Each structure stands twice: as C-alpha cells, then as structure tokens.
Protein backbone atom coordinates (compact mmCIF):
# COMPACT_ATOMS: atom_id res chain seq x y z
CA UNK A 1 0.39 58.16 11.28
CA UNK A 2 0.52 61.80 9.91
CA UNK A 3 -0.49 63.98 13.21
CA UNK A 4 1.60 62.11 15.39
CA UNK A 5 4.65 62.79 13.07
CA UNK A 6 4.10 66.51 13.28
CA UNK A 7 3.32 66.41 16.97
CA UNK A 8 6.72 64.74 17.49
CA UNK A 9 8.55 67.09 15.61
CA UNK A 10 6.59 70.07 17.22
CA UNK A 11 7.46 68.62 21.10
CA UNK A 12 10.64 68.31 20.06
CA UNK A 13 11.02 72.14 19.01
CA UNK A 14 9.18 73.13 21.83
CA UNK A 15 11.30 70.87 24.30
CA UNK A 16 14.28 73.01 22.85
CA UNK A 17 12.74 76.02 22.58
CA UNK A 18 11.73 76.17 26.38
CA UNK A 19 14.90 74.65 27.37
CA UNK A 20 17.17 77.21 25.82
CA UNK A 21 14.84 80.07 27.56
CA UNK A 22 15.42 78.88 30.82
CA UNK A 23 19.08 79.14 30.58
CA UNK A 24 19.70 75.29 29.49
CA UNK A 25 21.54 76.82 25.61
CA UNK A 26 24.69 74.43 26.82
CA UNK A 27 22.89 71.59 26.63
CA UNK A 28 21.23 72.00 23.18
CA UNK A 29 23.95 73.89 22.08
CA UNK A 30 26.54 71.54 22.59
CA UNK A 31 25.78 68.62 24.65
CA UNK A 32 23.27 67.19 21.98
CA UNK A 33 25.45 68.03 19.06
CA UNK A 34 28.33 66.49 19.87
CA UNK A 35 26.04 63.46 20.82
CA UNK A 36 24.45 63.37 17.54
CA UNK A 37 27.27 64.08 15.25
CA UNK A 38 29.10 60.71 16.81
CA UNK A 39 25.88 58.84 16.72
CA UNK A 40 25.91 59.88 13.02
CA UNK A 41 29.37 58.65 11.75
CA UNK A 42 29.44 55.83 13.96
CA UNK A 43 26.03 54.75 12.46
CA UNK A 44 27.61 55.73 9.31
CA UNK A 45 30.26 53.82 9.36
CA UNK A 46 28.90 50.69 10.46
CA UNK A 47 26.17 50.94 7.89
CA UNK A 48 28.57 51.34 5.41
CA UNK A 49 31.19 48.59 6.16
CA UNK A 50 27.95 46.21 6.95
CA UNK A 51 27.05 46.80 3.17
CA UNK A 52 30.53 46.33 2.08
CA UNK A 53 31.19 43.16 3.63
CA UNK A 54 27.95 41.64 2.08
CA UNK A 55 28.56 39.18 -0.37
CA UNK A 56 28.00 39.17 -4.15
CA UNK A 57 28.24 36.53 -5.73
CA UNK A 58 26.15 37.36 -8.77
CA UNK A 59 25.80 39.80 -11.29
CA UNK A 60 22.67 41.03 -10.81
CA UNK A 61 22.93 44.51 -12.46
CA UNK A 62 19.03 46.19 -13.24
CA UNK A 63 19.54 46.93 -16.76
CA UNK A 64 17.24 48.80 -19.80
CA UNK A 65 17.55 48.04 -23.11
CA UNK A 66 19.87 45.95 -25.52
CA UNK A 67 22.90 44.04 -23.78
CA UNK A 68 26.51 44.58 -25.70
CA UNK A 69 25.60 41.33 -28.06
CA UNK A 70 26.84 41.19 -32.28
CA UNK A 71 28.05 43.87 -33.73
CA UNK A 72 24.89 44.85 -35.90
CA UNK A 73 23.41 44.80 -32.71
CA UNK A 74 22.72 48.73 -31.30
CA UNK A 75 23.36 48.75 -27.53
CA UNK A 76 22.75 51.06 -25.07
CA UNK A 77 25.58 52.03 -23.27
CA UNK A 78 24.25 53.88 -20.10
CA UNK A 79 21.33 51.44 -19.57
CA UNK A 80 23.23 48.58 -20.20
CA UNK A 81 27.06 49.53 -19.47
CA UNK A 82 29.46 47.03 -20.40
CA UNK A 83 32.81 48.99 -19.83
CA UNK A 84 33.79 50.41 -15.82
CA UNK A 85 33.64 54.03 -17.53
CA UNK A 86 29.69 53.28 -18.75
CA UNK A 87 29.26 52.58 -15.24
CA UNK A 88 30.23 55.68 -14.02
CA UNK A 89 28.38 57.59 -16.31
CA UNK A 90 25.23 55.63 -15.59
CA UNK A 91 25.98 56.31 -11.87
CA UNK A 92 26.75 60.27 -12.09
CA UNK A 93 23.24 60.72 -14.52
CA UNK A 94 21.34 58.14 -11.50
CA UNK A 95 22.96 60.39 -8.36
CA UNK A 96 23.42 63.64 -10.25
CA UNK A 97 19.84 63.21 -12.17
CA UNK A 98 17.60 60.57 -10.88
CA UNK A 99 17.51 59.30 -14.37
CA UNK A 100 15.96 56.36 -13.71
CA UNK A 101 13.00 58.20 -11.34
CA UNK A 102 12.74 60.57 -14.73
CA UNK A 103 12.28 57.93 -17.04
CA UNK A 104 9.69 56.22 -14.24
CA UNK A 105 5.74 55.74 -15.39
CA UNK A 106 2.80 55.24 -13.93
CA UNK A 107 -0.13 53.39 -15.07
CA UNK A 108 -4.33 54.75 -14.49
CA UNK A 109 -7.42 53.43 -15.49
CA UNK A 110 -9.91 55.92 -17.09
CA UNK A 111 -13.29 55.76 -18.27
CA UNK A 112 -14.32 52.87 -19.87
CA UNK A 113 -11.39 50.92 -18.35
CA UNK A 114 -8.87 52.46 -20.63
CA UNK A 115 -5.15 51.44 -19.47
CA UNK A 116 -3.03 55.23 -19.98
CA UNK A 117 0.34 55.60 -19.63
CA UNK A 118 2.01 58.72 -18.16
CA UNK A 119 5.17 60.32 -16.58
CA UNK A 120 5.98 61.12 -13.13
CA UNK A 121 7.65 64.05 -14.06
CA UNK A 122 6.24 66.25 -11.04
CA UNK A 123 7.64 63.64 -8.91
CA UNK A 124 10.95 64.05 -10.02
CA UNK A 125 10.77 67.61 -10.37
CA UNK A 126 10.25 67.80 -6.68
CA UNK A 127 12.55 65.25 -5.67
CA UNK A 128 15.23 67.38 -7.58
CA UNK A 129 14.11 70.51 -6.57
CA UNK A 130 14.47 69.51 -2.73
CA UNK A 131 18.07 67.51 -2.76
CA UNK A 132 19.38 69.74 -4.69
CA UNK A 133 18.21 73.15 -2.63
CA UNK A 134 19.10 70.83 0.46
CA UNK A 135 22.84 70.35 -1.03
CA UNK A 136 23.46 74.11 -1.96
CA UNK A 137 22.03 74.88 1.67
CA UNK A 138 24.17 72.49 3.61
CA UNK A 139 27.18 74.03 1.33
CA UNK A 140 26.08 77.42 2.33
CA UNK A 141 26.22 76.72 6.37
CA UNK A 142 30.20 75.98 5.60
CA UNK A 143 30.83 80.03 5.75
CA UNK A 144 29.53 79.33 9.76
CA UNK A 145 32.34 76.47 10.10
CA UNK A 146 34.88 78.52 8.74
CA UNK A 147 37.01 81.24 8.97
CA UNK A 148 37.89 82.78 6.43
CA UNK A 149 34.80 81.75 4.25
CA UNK A 150 36.02 79.38 1.17
CA UNK A 151 35.57 81.08 -1.78
CA UNK A 152 33.08 78.76 -3.52
CA UNK A 153 31.01 78.78 -0.86
CA UNK A 154 30.99 82.41 -1.49
CA UNK A 155 30.58 82.09 -5.00
CA UNK A 156 27.51 79.63 -4.50
CA UNK A 157 25.77 82.27 -2.11
CA UNK A 158 25.97 84.94 -4.84
CA UNK A 159 24.51 82.71 -7.71
CA UNK A 160 21.87 81.39 -4.82
CA UNK A 161 21.24 85.34 -3.70
CA UNK A 162 20.58 86.58 -7.00
CA UNK A 163 17.42 88.00 -5.93
CA UNK A 164 18.82 90.44 -3.79
CA UNK A 165 16.74 93.57 -3.17
CA UNK A 166 18.03 94.27 0.38
CA UNK A 167 19.25 93.23 3.10
CA UNK A 168 19.23 90.25 4.58
CA UNK A 169 19.95 88.49 0.64
CA UNK A 170 16.84 86.36 -0.32
CA UNK A 171 18.37 82.79 -1.15
CA UNK A 172 16.12 80.89 -4.10
CA UNK A 173 16.99 77.79 -2.44
CA UNK A 174 15.23 78.82 1.13
CA UNK A 175 12.25 78.94 -1.21
CA UNK A 176 12.38 76.09 -3.18
CA UNK A 177 13.37 74.14 -0.45
CA UNK A 178 9.99 74.65 1.39
CA UNK A 179 8.24 74.56 -1.83
CA UNK A 180 9.34 70.82 -2.57
CA UNK A 181 9.27 69.40 0.75
CA UNK A 182 5.59 70.68 1.09
CA UNK A 183 4.57 69.36 -2.61
CA UNK A 184 6.42 65.43 -1.51
CA UNK A 185 4.51 65.62 1.69
CA UNK A 186 1.18 66.68 -0.15
CA UNK A 187 1.84 64.18 -2.92
CA UNK A 188 1.35 61.30 -0.22
CA UNK A 189 -1.52 63.20 1.71
CA UNK A 190 -3.46 63.69 -1.60
CA UNK A 191 -2.73 60.19 -2.95
CA UNK A 192 -5.11 57.52 -1.30
CA UNK A 193 -2.12 54.79 -2.78
CA UNK A 194 0.59 56.29 -1.20
CA UNK A 195 -1.26 57.13 1.90
CA UNK A 196 -1.95 53.37 2.02
CA UNK A 197 1.39 52.10 2.13
CA UNK A 198 2.77 55.14 3.74
CA UNK A 199 4.24 54.74 7.51
CA UNK A 200 5.48 56.56 10.46
CA UNK A 201 9.13 56.40 9.08
CA UNK A 202 7.65 57.83 5.59
CA UNK A 203 5.98 60.74 7.28
CA UNK A 204 8.80 61.47 9.87
CA UNK A 205 11.59 62.72 8.44
CA UNK A 206 9.50 65.16 5.96
CA UNK A 207 8.42 66.60 8.86
CA UNK A 208 11.45 66.48 10.51
CA UNK A 209 13.10 68.26 7.01
CA UNK A 210 9.95 70.73 6.71
CA UNK A 211 11.09 71.74 10.63
CA UNK A 212 14.46 72.14 9.84
CA UNK A 213 13.79 74.70 7.03
CA UNK A 214 10.72 76.04 8.22
CA UNK A 215 12.78 77.23 11.32
CA UNK A 216 15.72 77.82 9.41
CA UNK A 217 13.66 80.34 7.00
CA UNK A 218 12.07 81.70 10.32
CA UNK A 219 15.63 83.05 11.80
CA UNK A 220 16.96 84.76 8.68
CA UNK A 221 14.07 86.30 7.06
CA UNK A 222 11.47 86.87 10.43
CA UNK A 223 12.76 86.33 13.90
CA UNK A 224 16.29 87.51 13.05
CA UNK A 225 19.30 86.38 15.42
CA UNK A 226 22.67 87.49 15.89
CA UNK A 227 24.71 85.48 13.18
CA UNK A 228 28.52 86.72 14.91
CA UNK A 229 27.14 84.74 18.01
CA UNK A 230 25.95 81.84 16.15
CA UNK A 231 29.77 81.76 14.34
CA UNK A 232 31.29 81.90 17.66
CA UNK A 233 28.93 78.60 18.92
CA UNK A 234 29.69 76.74 15.85
CA UNK A 235 33.62 78.17 15.48
CA UNK A 236 33.82 76.54 19.14
CA UNK A 237 32.09 72.93 18.47
CA UNK A 238 34.41 72.60 15.49
CA UNK A 239 37.51 73.55 17.60
CA UNK A 240 36.27 71.57 20.90
CA UNK A 241 36.77 74.73 22.37
CA UNK A 242 32.83 75.37 22.44
CA UNK A 243 31.41 78.65 24.30
CA UNK A 244 27.83 79.56 24.22
CA UNK A 245 27.43 83.29 23.70
CA UNK A 246 24.74 85.66 25.19
CA UNK A 247 21.84 86.93 22.78
CA UNK A 248 21.38 83.66 20.35
CA UNK A 249 17.63 83.56 19.87
CA UNK A 250 15.98 80.87 21.56
CA UNK A 251 14.53 79.79 18.05
CA UNK A 252 17.93 78.75 16.94
CA UNK A 253 18.06 76.01 19.79
CA UNK A 254 14.87 74.60 18.61
CA UNK A 255 16.54 74.88 14.70
CA UNK A 256 20.16 73.51 15.86
CA UNK A 257 18.20 70.19 17.91
CA UNK A 258 16.17 69.17 14.58
CA UNK A 259 19.20 68.99 12.68
CA UNK A 260 20.77 66.85 15.70
CA UNK A 261 17.84 64.51 15.53
CA UNK A 262 18.04 64.11 12.05
CA UNK A 263 21.72 63.63 12.00
CA UNK A 264 21.35 60.87 14.85
CA UNK A 265 18.37 59.90 12.78
CA UNK A 266 19.78 59.40 9.34
CA UNK A 267 22.02 56.19 9.76
CA UNK A 268 18.74 54.07 10.74
CA UNK A 269 16.46 55.59 8.49
CA UNK A 270 15.62 55.13 4.47
CA UNK A 271 17.79 58.55 4.03
CA UNK A 272 20.40 56.32 4.13
CA UNK A 273 19.98 56.05 0.27
CA UNK A 274 22.27 58.81 -0.03
CA UNK A 275 25.09 56.38 0.99
CA UNK A 276 23.66 53.14 -0.23
CA UNK A 277 22.95 53.82 -3.97
CA UNK A 278 26.85 53.88 -4.37
CA UNK A 279 27.13 50.03 -3.04
CA UNK A 280 24.51 48.95 -4.94
CA UNK A 281 25.04 46.19 -6.67
CA UNK A 282 22.08 46.63 -9.42
CA UNK A 283 23.38 49.81 -10.07
CA UNK A 284 27.36 49.72 -9.85
CA UNK A 285 28.31 46.72 -12.03
CA UNK A 286 29.13 45.85 -15.29
CA UNK A 287 26.98 43.79 -17.72
CA UNK A 288 29.30 41.83 -19.06
CA UNK A 289 28.04 38.31 -18.60
CA UNK A 290 28.71 37.18 -21.99
CA UNK A 291 31.80 38.43 -22.73
CA UNK A 292 33.33 37.35 -19.38
CA UNK A 293 32.84 34.28 -16.79
CA UNK A 294 32.49 35.33 -13.26
CA UNK A 295 33.34 32.87 -10.93
CA UNK A 296 31.38 32.98 -7.24
CA UNK A 297 34.73 33.58 -4.87
CA UNK A 298 32.49 32.46 -1.85
CA UNK A 299 32.07 29.32 -3.38
CA UNK A 300 33.44 26.16 -1.08
CA UNK A 301 35.19 22.68 -3.20
CA UNK A 302 31.74 20.66 -3.88
CA UNK A 303 32.51 17.03 -4.93
CA UNK A 304 30.96 16.50 -8.44
CA UNK A 305 29.37 13.52 -10.10
CA UNK A 306 31.25 13.80 -13.96
CA UNK A 307 29.54 12.32 -16.66
CA UNK A 308 32.87 9.95 -17.18
CA UNK A 309 31.72 8.10 -13.70
CA UNK A 310 28.24 8.52 -14.27
CA UNK A 311 28.92 6.25 -17.54
CA UNK A 312 31.74 4.00 -15.64
CA UNK A 313 28.59 3.25 -13.19
CA UNK A 314 26.15 2.40 -15.49
CA UNK A 315 27.46 1.63 -18.36
CA UNK A 316 26.37 -1.88 -18.21
CA UNK A 317 22.58 -0.88 -17.97
CA UNK A 318 22.75 1.70 -20.76
CA UNK A 319 24.13 -0.80 -23.41
CA UNK A 320 21.68 -3.04 -22.55
CA UNK A 321 18.55 -0.22 -23.30
CA UNK A 322 20.67 0.75 -26.06
CA UNK A 323 21.68 4.32 -24.87
CA UNK A 324 24.93 5.49 -26.54
CA UNK A 325 27.97 5.39 -24.12
CA UNK A 326 31.52 7.61 -25.21
CA UNK A 327 33.38 4.14 -24.49
CA UNK A 328 32.59 0.58 -25.12
C-alpha cells in the first residue's frame, strides 16, 4: 500500500510535468483546476447536506467528567457541557487545539507483564504542527488570488518570515509542514499496530500532501519560477478570464495538478473530518438530559396499552390471585 501510494503520486506529478513541458499548460493550468474546484464544492455541499439531513433523535454527547447534577457536586463545564456557550467553548478547544487528542492516553505492556499508560503528546504535536502550518500556508497563498494583498495576509507573512536572512524569505511553516507530514508518515510506518490497520486511503493523502509541500518548497527555494506569471495565471482563473503566460516552470503545473487532485479527492476522503467535526452530535450537543426532556421529533403515533386499560382487561384474574388493583 505504501509503495503503491507513493508511485501513484509520483506518476501524477510526472504526467503533469511532462505534459506542461510538451505545451499542454492550458490543460493543467486552466481546465483541470476548474474541474477540481467544481468537484470540491459539489462534493462538499452534498456531504454537508447529507449529514445535516440525518436525524439525530437522541442526545448522544460523548462526555468526560461529572455532569451537572446536585449543586454540591463539582461538574466539568467543558468536558460535560450543559449550556450552548459551554458547547461552543468545547468545540473551539477541539477545533483549534485538538484537546481530546492531547488528553488521549496509550497503553503498553512492558517487562514482567506490567501495564503502563503514556500520553499521545508527540502525535498531538505532529497534528497541531501540520494543521496550523497548512492553514498558514493556505492563507499566505491568498496573495496570489487578490490585488491588492489583504493586510492580514501581509501581517501573517511578516510573522511567518521572521527567519528572513536574504531573498527569498524563508517561511517557518514551509519547513514545519514537511517535517510534520514526514513524522505522521514515519509514525504510521514504524508502528506495527498502525501499519497493520493502515489502508491505501490512509497513505494516499499523506503522500499527496507531502508531494504538494515538497514541490511547493522546491519551487520557492530551489527551482524558482516567475511569481509574476503565476499571479497572472491565478488572477485570470478567479476572474474567469484565464491566460497562461509564458515562462512558468513546468514543475509548477505538477504542483498545481497535485493541488487539484487534493481538491477533487477531499470530499470523498477521511479529510472531510474538517467539516464533519462541526456536525458531530457527539460533540455539538449539550448534555442536559437530567434537566430537560428531549422528545424525539421523528416519533410517529403509536397505539399504547395503558395500565388502566390493562387492569380493566384483567381485573378479575388479578383479584383471583390477590394482585392489588386500583379500582375495585
């Protein structure tokens, strides 16, 4: 699975690189990105609408810690939220800081069959480093699609480029992104347990993201390309007046093709957890079952047999065996 995933990404990149070298820049610079963006938004909307229309008849909040109960029992506000505000704080901690992953524990048996517990701190650090650096890289790329560049992008670039010692500026996230992805991949390869349960759709997105990160790093710091020409291309794409200028390094089209594959693949992969976390009933519901009765809105009318009707039907038999009755 590992080798197949790696070869697949390498073949995709080489196809785009070779095709652009032979004059097919318009195909991989205009047609493919438009198709990828269309698939991305269509798939994203379909998935989100499908999840939003799924009935959630019960409060199935995943909690940890004491629920709100008697006033003298200390409760966990964010692990076991009771109000909408507490749910929002819990969601923010989960989305921005991966709090549940930080609190995760591993179990391992060591010598003499001793069971020990350890934290998942390194996994949390790798996940945080990847997600935040990837987000910052995406925001930095906004400058290629806007004119003038928004002020927050400029500020972020200045902060990210604090290691500037020359031209081009060395962005910290360019290095952190590759290191974090490499760690997540190596962790999956080194651990026998993870390797056993890993499938093609676990390795493919990792190699795809690594291909995008490495090719982007190469274009910026090693191979170099004409950023003015690239911005002319991207501005033409967003204005629906695409023009492919001359002088763009063919490596850029390989990079762009991998980005297009990521966009098209995103709605149908595990990467959709980015949107799914907002619609997860185990996370986005308050655990207030003791204070409020929640009636299933999808319940249909059911004919019930009340106790009064039951007693009317069996009163004589109940009295014969001396079972107490409400009505004599």
